[in-house]
Amino acid sequence: MSPAVQTDTSPTVAVVVPVYNRASAVAEAIQSALGQTHPSVEVHVVNDGSTDGTGSLLDSIAATDNRVVVSHQPNAGPAAARNRAIAGCRAEWITFRDSDDLLLPDAVAGHFSWLAENPGYAAVMGRSRTEFQPGVEPPPLIAAKFARDETVPIFHTALLRRDAVVNVGG
């Protein structure tokens, strides 16, 4: 009798990353997404018309890891880039990150742990920690909320069913 073949039945997750002229940061963002403890993660990066070498950097990263899918488009803004990535992926779940956002290794697994205890939801949001680089000022609305120690919901902490995102038009 031959041993049973075990296949991974974990839900697939696409980490969607729009990028414009961020060659200095995007590789670290991609690596943090690939470093998830959840076993079925792919990264869909859309180069939104970068002129600083970001495109060739992304192509070289994708050439070394088949979990990274890169698309290139003329500059159309982050929403258009995100929608292009959504159209190109087939993962069951989607989470969004900017090109300078980092994921803790258990971020996606934590979302699925909550969803396992709360079935039927199409989305879950998690916590985040926001840090600004020296010399970078947060937008006024965000700065005011931080000053009052208020929670700032950031959609980049959400894990969403891909079909729900598609059904509302991206």
N, C-alpha and C. Protein backbone atom coordinates (compact mmCIF):
# COMPACT_ATOMS: atom_id res chain seq x y z
N MET A 1 0.85 -1.17 0.00
CA MET A 1 0.00 0.00 0.00
C MET A 1 0.90 1.24 0.00
N SER A 2 0.65 2.16 -0.92
CA SER A 2 1.47 3.37 -0.99
C SER A 2 0.93 4.41 -0.02
N PRO A 3 1.84 5.27 0.47
CA PRO A 3 1.40 6.30 1.41
C PRO A 3 0.44 7.27 0.75
N ALA A 4 -0.47 7.80 1.55
CA ALA A 4 -1.44 8.77 1.03
C ALA A 4 -0.72 10.06 0.64
N VAL A 5 -1.15 10.61 -0.46
CA VAL A 5 -0.59 11.89 -0.90
C VAL A 5 -1.38 12.99 -0.21
N GLN A 6 -0.65 13.85 0.47
CA GLN A 6 -1.31 14.94 1.18
C GLN A 6 -1.19 16.21 0.36
N THR A 7 -2.31 16.88 0.16
CA THR A 7 -2.29 18.13 -0.56
C THR A 7 -2.67 19.25 0.39
N ASP A 8 -2.17 20.45 0.10
CA ASP A 8 -2.47 21.61 0.93
C ASP A 8 -3.87 22.12 0.58
N THR A 9 -4.73 22.16 1.58
CA THR A 9 -6.09 22.64 1.36
C THR A 9 -6.31 24.00 2.00
N SER A 10 -5.24 24.68 2.36
CA SER A 10 -5.36 26.01 2.95
C SER A 10 -5.94 26.97 1.93
N PRO A 11 -6.76 27.91 2.38
CA PRO A 11 -7.28 28.91 1.44
C PRO A 11 -6.13 29.71 0.83
N THR A 12 -6.26 30.03 -0.44
CA THR A 12 -5.23 30.81 -1.10
C THR A 12 -5.45 32.30 -0.84
N VAL A 13 -4.35 33.02 -0.69
CA VAL A 13 -4.39 34.45 -0.41
C VAL A 13 -3.50 35.18 -1.40
N ALA A 14 -4.03 36.23 -1.99
CA ALA A 14 -3.24 37.11 -2.85
C ALA A 14 -2.99 38.40 -2.08
N VAL A 15 -1.72 38.73 -1.92
CA VAL A 15 -1.34 40.01 -1.35
C VAL A 15 -1.16 40.94 -2.55
N VAL A 16 -2.00 41.96 -2.63
CA VAL A 16 -2.04 42.88 -3.77
C VAL A 16 -1.23 44.13 -3.41
N VAL A 17 -0.24 44.44 -4.25
CA VAL A 17 0.66 45.57 -3.98
C VAL A 17 0.78 46.45 -5.22
N PRO A 18 0.17 47.65 -5.22
CA PRO A 18 0.44 48.59 -6.29
C PRO A 18 1.75 49.32 -5.97
N VAL A 19 2.53 49.64 -6.99
CA VAL A 19 3.80 50.31 -6.71
C VAL A 19 4.12 51.33 -7.80
N TYR A 20 4.59 52.48 -7.35
CA TYR A 20 5.04 53.54 -8.26
C TYR A 20 6.31 54.14 -7.67
N ASN A 21 7.41 53.95 -8.38
CA ASN A 21 8.71 54.54 -8.01
C ASN A 21 9.08 54.25 -6.55
N ARG A 22 9.06 52.99 -6.18
CA ARG A 22 9.44 52.61 -4.81
C ARG A 22 10.46 51.48 -4.81
N ALA A 23 11.42 51.56 -5.71
CA ALA A 23 12.45 50.52 -5.77
C ALA A 23 13.17 50.35 -4.44
N SER A 24 13.23 51.42 -3.66
CA SER A 24 13.94 51.36 -2.38
C SER A 24 13.18 50.60 -1.30
N ALA A 25 11.88 50.37 -1.48
CA ALA A 25 11.09 49.78 -0.40
C ALA A 25 10.34 48.51 -0.79
N VAL A 26 10.02 48.34 -2.04
CA VAL A 26 9.07 47.29 -2.42
C VAL A 26 9.60 45.88 -2.20
N ALA A 27 10.89 45.65 -2.34
CA ALA A 27 11.43 44.30 -2.14
C ALA A 27 11.19 43.82 -0.71
N GLU A 28 11.37 44.70 0.26
CA GLU A 28 11.13 44.33 1.66
C GLU A 28 9.65 44.03 1.90
N ALA A 29 8.77 44.81 1.28
CA ALA A 29 7.34 44.57 1.41
C ALA A 29 6.97 43.20 0.83
N ILE A 30 7.52 42.87 -0.33
CA ILE A 30 7.25 41.57 -0.95
C ILE A 30 7.76 40.44 -0.07
N GLN A 31 8.97 40.58 0.45
CA GLN A 31 9.54 39.53 1.30
C GLN A 31 8.71 39.30 2.56
N SER A 32 8.16 40.38 3.12
CA SER A 32 7.34 40.19 4.32
C SER A 32 6.05 39.45 3.98
N ALA A 33 5.52 39.66 2.79
CA ALA A 33 4.32 38.93 2.36
C ALA A 33 4.65 37.46 2.10
N LEU A 34 5.78 37.21 1.49
CA LEU A 34 6.19 35.83 1.21
C LEU A 34 6.57 35.08 2.47
N GLY A 35 6.90 35.79 3.53
CA GLY A 35 7.32 35.18 4.78
C GLY A 35 6.18 34.80 5.71
N GLN A 36 4.96 34.76 5.22
CA GLN A 36 3.82 34.42 6.04
C GLN A 36 3.87 32.96 6.48
N THR A 37 3.39 32.71 7.69
CA THR A 37 3.30 31.33 8.16
C THR A 37 2.14 30.60 7.49
N HIS A 38 1.17 31.32 6.97
CA HIS A 38 0.10 30.69 6.19
C HIS A 38 0.72 30.13 4.91
N PRO A 39 0.43 28.89 4.55
CA PRO A 39 1.18 28.24 3.48
C PRO A 39 0.81 28.62 2.05
N SER A 40 -0.32 29.25 1.82
CA SER A 40 -0.77 29.48 0.43
C SER A 40 -0.90 30.96 0.12
N VAL A 41 0.25 31.62 0.03
CA VAL A 41 0.28 33.06 -0.24
C VAL A 41 1.00 33.32 -1.55
N GLU A 42 0.40 34.19 -2.36
CA GLU A 42 1.05 34.69 -3.56
C GLU A 42 1.00 36.20 -3.50
N VAL A 43 1.91 36.85 -4.18
CA VAL A 43 1.99 38.30 -4.18
C VAL A 43 1.79 38.80 -5.60
N HIS A 44 0.78 39.65 -5.78
CA HIS A 44 0.49 40.26 -7.08
C HIS A 44 0.89 41.73 -7.01
N VAL A 45 1.96 42.07 -7.72
CA VAL A 45 2.49 43.42 -7.70
C VAL A 45 2.21 44.05 -9.06
N VAL A 46 1.65 45.26 -9.04
CA VAL A 46 1.41 45.98 -10.28
C VAL A 46 2.29 47.21 -10.28
N ASN A 47 3.23 47.24 -11.23
CA ASN A 47 4.09 48.39 -11.43
C ASN A 47 3.29 49.43 -12.20
N ASP A 48 2.98 50.53 -11.54
CA ASP A 48 2.10 51.56 -12.08
C ASP A 48 2.89 52.66 -12.79
N GLY A 49 3.66 52.26 -13.80
CA GLY A 49 4.39 53.24 -14.61
C GLY A 49 5.63 53.81 -13.97
N SER A 50 6.28 53.06 -13.10
CA SER A 50 7.48 53.56 -12.43
C SER A 50 8.57 53.92 -13.43
N THR A 51 9.38 54.91 -13.05
CA THR A 51 10.49 55.36 -13.91
C THR A 51 11.84 55.25 -13.20
N ASP A 52 11.86 54.64 -12.02
CA ASP A 52 13.08 54.60 -11.20
C ASP A 52 13.75 53.23 -11.14
N GLY A 53 13.40 52.31 -12.00
CA GLY A 53 13.98 50.97 -11.96
C GLY A 53 13.14 49.97 -11.19
N THR A 54 12.00 50.40 -10.65
CA THR A 54 11.13 49.50 -9.92
C THR A 54 10.70 48.32 -10.79
N GLY A 55 10.37 48.58 -12.04
CA GLY A 55 9.88 47.53 -12.94
C GLY A 55 10.89 46.40 -13.11
N SER A 56 12.14 46.74 -13.38
CA SER A 56 13.15 45.69 -13.58
C SER A 56 13.45 44.96 -12.27
N LEU A 57 13.41 45.68 -11.15
CA LEU A 57 13.58 45.02 -9.85
C LEU A 57 12.48 43.99 -9.63
N LEU A 58 11.23 44.37 -9.90
CA LEU A 58 10.11 43.45 -9.73
C LEU A 58 10.25 42.23 -10.63
N ASP A 59 10.64 42.44 -11.87
CA ASP A 59 10.83 41.32 -12.78
C ASP A 59 11.90 40.36 -12.27
N SER A 60 12.97 40.90 -11.69
CA SER A 60 14.03 40.02 -11.17
C SER A 60 13.54 39.24 -9.94
N ILE A 61 12.72 39.85 -9.10
CA ILE A 61 12.16 39.14 -7.95
C ILE A 61 11.24 38.02 -8.42
N ALA A 62 10.38 38.33 -9.39
CA ALA A 62 9.44 37.33 -9.91
C ALA A 62 10.17 36.17 -10.58
N ALA A 63 11.31 36.45 -11.17
CA ALA A 63 12.07 35.40 -11.85
C ALA A 63 12.65 34.38 -10.86
N THR A 64 12.76 34.77 -9.59
CA THR A 64 13.34 33.86 -8.60
C THR A 64 12.30 33.22 -7.68
N ASP A 65 11.03 33.64 -7.78
CA ASP A 65 10.00 33.09 -6.90
C ASP A 65 8.67 33.08 -7.65
N ASN A 66 8.16 31.89 -7.94
CA ASN A 66 6.93 31.80 -8.74
C ASN A 66 5.68 32.21 -7.96
N ARG A 67 5.82 32.54 -6.68
CA ARG A 67 4.68 33.07 -5.93
C ARG A 67 4.48 34.56 -6.16
N VAL A 68 5.41 35.19 -6.88
CA VAL A 68 5.33 36.62 -7.17
C VAL A 68 4.90 36.80 -8.62
N VAL A 69 3.79 37.50 -8.81
CA VAL A 69 3.25 37.79 -10.14
C VAL A 69 3.35 39.29 -10.34
N VAL A 70 4.00 39.69 -11.42
CA VAL A 70 4.20 41.11 -11.69
C VAL A 70 3.48 41.50 -12.97
N SER A 71 2.78 42.63 -12.90
CA SER A 71 2.16 43.24 -14.07
C SER A 71 2.69 44.66 -14.20
N HIS A 72 2.73 45.15 -15.42
CA HIS A 72 3.18 46.52 -15.67
C HIS A 72 2.07 47.25 -16.41
N GLN A 73 1.86 48.50 -16.04
CA GLN A 73 0.87 49.32 -16.73
C GLN A 73 1.34 50.77 -16.73
N PRO A 74 0.83 51.57 -17.66
CA PRO A 74 1.11 53.01 -17.59
C PRO A 74 0.52 53.57 -16.30
N ASN A 75 1.09 54.65 -15.80
CA ASN A 75 0.63 55.22 -14.54
C ASN A 75 -0.85 55.57 -14.60
N ALA A 76 -1.62 54.92 -13.71
CA ALA A 76 -3.07 55.15 -13.64
C ALA A 76 -3.54 55.29 -12.20
N GLY A 77 -2.63 55.24 -11.25
CA GLY A 77 -2.99 55.39 -9.85
C GLY A 77 -3.15 54.06 -9.14
N PRO A 78 -3.11 54.09 -7.79
CA PRO A 78 -3.14 52.85 -7.02
C PRO A 78 -4.44 52.07 -7.14
N ALA A 79 -5.58 52.74 -7.27
CA ALA A 79 -6.85 52.00 -7.38
C ALA A 79 -6.87 51.17 -8.66
N ALA A 80 -6.46 51.77 -9.76
CA ALA A 80 -6.41 51.03 -11.03
C ALA A 80 -5.42 49.87 -10.95
N ALA A 81 -4.30 50.09 -10.28
CA ALA A 81 -3.31 49.01 -10.13
C ALA A 81 -3.87 47.88 -9.27
N ARG A 82 -4.56 48.23 -8.20
CA ARG A 82 -5.17 47.18 -7.36
C ARG A 82 -6.20 46.38 -8.15
N ASN A 83 -7.04 47.08 -8.90
CA ASN A 83 -8.06 46.38 -9.68
C ASN A 83 -7.44 45.49 -10.75
N ARG A 84 -6.33 45.91 -11.33
CA ARG A 84 -5.65 45.05 -12.30
C ARG A 84 -5.15 43.77 -11.62
N ALA A 85 -4.60 43.91 -10.43
CA ALA A 85 -4.11 42.74 -9.70
C ALA A 85 -5.27 41.80 -9.36
N ILE A 86 -6.38 42.37 -8.91
CA ILE A 86 -7.55 41.55 -8.57
C ILE A 86 -8.01 40.77 -9.79
N ALA A 87 -8.06 41.43 -10.94
CA ALA A 87 -8.50 40.77 -12.17
C ALA A 87 -7.55 39.64 -12.57
N GLY A 88 -6.27 39.77 -12.21
CA GLY A 88 -5.28 38.78 -12.62
C GLY A 88 -5.05 37.65 -11.64
N CYS A 89 -5.66 37.71 -10.47
CA CYS A 89 -5.41 36.64 -9.50
C CYS A 89 -6.64 35.76 -9.36
N ARG A 90 -6.42 34.56 -8.90
CA ARG A 90 -7.51 33.60 -8.70
C ARG A 90 -7.60 33.13 -7.26
N ALA A 91 -6.86 33.77 -6.37
CA ALA A 91 -6.90 33.38 -4.96
C ALA A 91 -8.30 33.57 -4.40
N GLU A 92 -8.61 32.79 -3.39
CA GLU A 92 -9.93 32.89 -2.74
C GLU A 92 -10.04 34.15 -1.89
N TRP A 93 -8.93 34.60 -1.36
CA TRP A 93 -8.89 35.74 -0.44
C TRP A 93 -7.87 36.75 -0.93
N ILE A 94 -8.11 38.02 -0.58
CA ILE A 94 -7.22 39.12 -1.00
C ILE A 94 -6.93 40.00 0.21
N THR A 95 -5.71 40.46 0.30
CA THR A 95 -5.36 41.51 1.24
C THR A 95 -4.52 42.53 0.47
N PHE A 96 -4.60 43.76 0.88
CA PHE A 96 -3.92 44.85 0.18
C PHE A 96 -2.79 45.41 1.02
N ARG A 97 -1.71 45.75 0.37
CA ARG A 97 -0.59 46.42 1.02
C ARG A 97 -0.06 47.48 0.07
N ASP A 98 0.49 48.54 0.64
CA ASP A 98 1.22 49.51 -0.16
C ASP A 98 2.65 49.02 -0.28
N SER A 99 3.40 49.64 -1.15
CA SER A 99 4.75 49.17 -1.45
C SER A 99 5.74 49.37 -0.32
N ASP A 100 5.35 50.07 0.73
CA ASP A 100 6.23 50.21 1.90
C ASP A 100 5.62 49.60 3.15
N ASP A 101 4.58 48.79 2.99
CA ASP A 101 3.94 48.13 4.13
C ASP A 101 4.58 46.77 4.39
N LEU A 102 4.76 46.44 5.65
CA LEU A 102 5.31 45.15 6.03
C LEU A 102 4.26 44.36 6.79
N LEU A 103 4.26 43.06 6.59
CA LEU A 103 3.36 42.14 7.29
C LEU A 103 4.14 41.36 8.33
N LEU A 104 3.59 41.27 9.52
CA LEU A 104 4.18 40.36 10.50
C LEU A 104 3.97 38.94 9.99
N PRO A 105 4.87 38.02 10.31
CA PRO A 105 4.79 36.67 9.74
C PRO A 105 3.48 35.92 9.96
N ASP A 106 2.79 36.20 11.05
CA ASP A 106 1.55 35.47 11.33
C ASP A 106 0.29 36.28 11.05
N ALA A 107 0.39 37.36 10.30
CA ALA A 107 -0.76 38.23 10.04
C ALA A 107 -1.89 37.49 9.33
N VAL A 108 -1.59 36.83 8.24
CA VAL A 108 -2.62 36.12 7.48
C VAL A 108 -3.16 34.94 8.28
N ALA A 109 -2.29 34.20 8.92
CA ALA A 109 -2.73 33.05 9.74
C ALA A 109 -3.65 33.53 10.86
N GLY A 110 -3.37 34.68 11.43
CA GLY A 110 -4.22 35.23 12.48
C GLY A 110 -5.62 35.54 11.97
N HIS A 111 -5.70 36.09 10.77
CA HIS A 111 -7.00 36.36 10.16
C HIS A 111 -7.78 35.06 9.99
N PHE A 112 -7.13 34.04 9.46
CA PHE A 112 -7.82 32.77 9.24
C PHE A 112 -8.20 32.09 10.55
N SER A 113 -7.42 32.28 11.58
CA SER A 113 -7.77 31.73 12.89
C SER A 113 -9.08 32.35 13.37
N TRP A 114 -9.22 33.66 13.21
CA TRP A 114 -10.47 34.33 13.61
C TRP A 114 -11.63 33.85 12.74
N LEU A 115 -11.39 33.75 11.43
CA LEU A 115 -12.46 33.31 10.52
C LEU A 115 -12.90 31.88 10.83
N ALA A 116 -11.99 31.02 11.27
CA ALA A 116 -12.35 29.64 11.61
C ALA A 116 -13.32 29.61 12.78
N GLU A 117 -13.17 30.55 13.69
CA GLU A 117 -14.06 30.63 14.85
C GLU A 117 -15.33 31.43 14.55
N ASN A 118 -15.34 32.16 13.44
CA ASN A 118 -16.47 33.02 13.07
C ASN A 118 -16.80 32.80 11.59
N PRO A 119 -17.27 31.62 11.23
CA PRO A 119 -17.51 31.32 9.82
C PRO A 119 -18.63 32.19 9.23
N GLY A 120 -18.56 32.35 7.93
CA GLY A 120 -19.61 33.08 7.23
C GLY A 120 -19.27 34.52 6.91
N TYR A 121 -18.19 35.02 7.43
CA TYR A 121 -17.81 36.40 7.15
C TYR A 121 -17.06 36.49 5.82
N ALA A 122 -17.23 37.62 5.13
CA ALA A 122 -16.53 37.85 3.87
C ALA A 122 -15.28 38.69 4.06
N ALA A 123 -15.06 39.20 5.27
CA ALA A 123 -13.89 40.04 5.53
C ALA A 123 -13.58 40.05 7.01
N VAL A 124 -12.34 40.32 7.31
CA VAL A 124 -11.90 40.51 8.68
C VAL A 124 -10.80 41.57 8.65
N MET A 125 -10.79 42.44 9.65
CA MET A 125 -9.72 43.43 9.76
C MET A 125 -8.88 43.10 10.98
N GLY A 126 -7.63 43.44 10.89
CA GLY A 126 -6.72 43.19 12.00
C GLY A 126 -6.14 44.48 12.53
N ARG A 127 -5.22 44.33 13.43
CA ARG A 127 -4.53 45.48 13.99
C ARG A 127 -3.38 45.88 13.10
N SER A 128 -2.93 47.09 13.30
CA SER A 128 -1.74 47.53 12.59
C SER A 128 -0.95 48.46 13.50
N ARG A 129 0.28 48.62 13.17
CA ARG A 129 1.12 49.61 13.84
C ARG A 129 1.65 50.51 12.74
N THR A 130 1.41 51.78 12.89
CA THR A 130 1.83 52.73 11.87
C THR A 130 3.07 53.47 12.36
N GLU A 131 4.08 53.43 11.54
CA GLU A 131 5.30 54.18 11.83
C GLU A 131 5.63 55.00 10.60
N PHE A 132 5.99 56.23 10.84
CA PHE A 132 6.38 57.11 9.74
C PHE A 132 7.89 57.29 9.76
N GLN A 133 8.47 57.27 8.59
CA GLN A 133 9.91 57.48 8.48
C GLN A 133 10.25 58.88 8.98
N PRO A 134 11.46 59.07 9.51
CA PRO A 134 11.86 60.41 9.95
C PRO A 134 11.66 61.43 8.83
N GLY A 135 11.05 62.53 9.18
CA GLY A 135 10.82 63.59 8.21
C GLY A 135 9.52 63.46 7.44
N VAL A 136 8.81 62.34 7.60
CA VAL A 136 7.54 62.15 6.91
C VAL A 136 6.41 62.50 7.86
N GLU A 137 5.56 63.41 7.45
CA GLU A 137 4.43 63.83 8.27
C GLU A 137 3.18 63.07 7.85
N PRO A 138 2.41 62.55 8.82
CA PRO A 138 1.16 61.88 8.45
C PRO A 138 0.15 62.89 7.94
N PRO A 139 -0.81 62.43 7.14
CA PRO A 139 -1.88 63.33 6.68
C PRO A 139 -2.58 63.93 7.90
N PRO A 140 -3.11 65.16 7.79
CA PRO A 140 -3.70 65.84 8.95
C PRO A 140 -4.78 65.05 9.68
N LEU A 141 -5.68 64.39 8.96
CA LEU A 141 -6.74 63.62 9.62
C LEU A 141 -6.15 62.49 10.46
N ILE A 142 -5.18 61.80 9.91
CA ILE A 142 -4.53 60.69 10.63
C ILE A 142 -3.76 61.23 11.83
N ALA A 143 -3.03 62.33 11.64
CA ALA A 143 -2.26 62.93 12.74
C ALA A 143 -3.18 63.31 13.89
N ALA A 144 -4.36 63.87 13.60
CA ALA A 144 -5.31 64.27 14.64
C ALA A 144 -5.82 63.05 15.40
N LYS A 145 -6.10 61.96 14.69
CA LYS A 145 -6.56 60.75 15.36
C LYS A 145 -5.46 60.16 16.24
N PHE A 146 -4.23 60.15 15.75
CA PHE A 146 -3.12 59.66 16.57
C PHE A 146 -2.98 60.52 17.82
N ALA A 147 -3.11 61.83 17.67
CA ALA A 147 -2.96 62.74 18.81
C ALA A 147 -4.01 62.46 19.87
N ARG A 148 -5.20 62.03 19.46
CA ARG A 148 -6.28 61.71 20.41
C ARG A 148 -6.25 60.24 20.82
N ASP A 149 -5.23 59.51 20.35
CA ASP A 149 -5.09 58.08 20.63
C ASP A 149 -6.30 57.29 20.17
N GLU A 150 -6.87 57.70 19.04
CA GLU A 150 -8.02 57.00 18.47
C GLU A 150 -7.56 55.89 17.54
N THR A 151 -8.41 54.90 17.40
CA THR A 151 -8.15 53.85 16.44
C THR A 151 -8.31 54.41 15.04
N VAL A 152 -7.38 54.08 14.20
CA VAL A 152 -7.44 54.51 12.81
C VAL A 152 -7.64 53.26 11.95
N PRO A 153 -8.87 53.03 11.47
CA PRO A 153 -9.06 51.83 10.64
C PRO A 153 -8.30 51.97 9.32
N ILE A 154 -7.53 50.98 9.02
CA ILE A 154 -6.73 51.01 7.80
C ILE A 154 -7.10 49.78 6.99
N PHE A 155 -7.61 50.02 5.78
CA PHE A 155 -8.10 48.88 5.00
C PHE A 155 -6.99 47.92 4.65
N HIS A 156 -5.75 48.33 4.79
CA HIS A 156 -4.64 47.42 4.52
C HIS A 156 -4.55 46.28 5.54
N THR A 157 -5.34 46.36 6.60
CA THR A 157 -5.34 45.26 7.57
C THR A 157 -6.44 44.26 7.27
N ALA A 158 -7.20 44.49 6.21
CA ALA A 158 -8.35 43.62 5.90
C ALA A 158 -7.93 42.42 5.05
N LEU A 159 -8.59 41.32 5.32
CA LEU A 159 -8.52 40.13 4.47
C LEU A 159 -9.94 39.94 3.97
N LEU A 160 -10.11 39.93 2.64
CA LEU A 160 -11.45 39.90 2.04
C LEU A 160 -11.59 38.75 1.07
N ARG A 161 -12.79 38.21 1.01
CA ARG A 161 -13.07 37.20 -0.02
C ARG A 161 -12.96 37.88 -1.38
N ARG A 162 -12.24 37.26 -2.28
CA ARG A 162 -12.05 37.84 -3.60
C ARG A 162 -13.40 38.03 -4.31
N ASP A 163 -14.30 37.04 -4.21
CA ASP A 163 -15.58 37.17 -4.90
C ASP A 163 -16.39 38.35 -4.37
N ALA A 164 -16.28 38.67 -3.09
CA ALA A 164 -17.00 39.83 -2.54
C ALA A 164 -16.43 41.13 -3.11
N VAL A 165 -15.12 41.19 -3.26
CA VAL A 165 -14.49 42.38 -3.83
C VAL A 165 -14.90 42.55 -5.29
N VAL A 166 -14.87 41.46 -6.03
CA VAL A 166 -15.27 41.50 -7.44
C VAL A 166 -16.74 41.88 -7.58
N ASN A 167 -17.59 41.35 -6.72
CA ASN A 167 -19.02 41.62 -6.80
C ASN A 167 -19.38 43.07 -6.55
N VAL A 168 -18.55 43.81 -5.82
CA VAL A 168 -18.82 45.24 -5.60
C VAL A 168 -18.07 46.12 -6.59
N GLY A 169 -17.41 45.51 -7.55
CA GLY A 169 -16.75 46.28 -8.61
C GLY A 169 -15.31 46.63 -8.34
N GLY A 170 -14.68 45.95 -7.41
CA GLY A 170 -13.26 46.20 -7.13
C GLY A 170 -13.05 47.28 -6.12
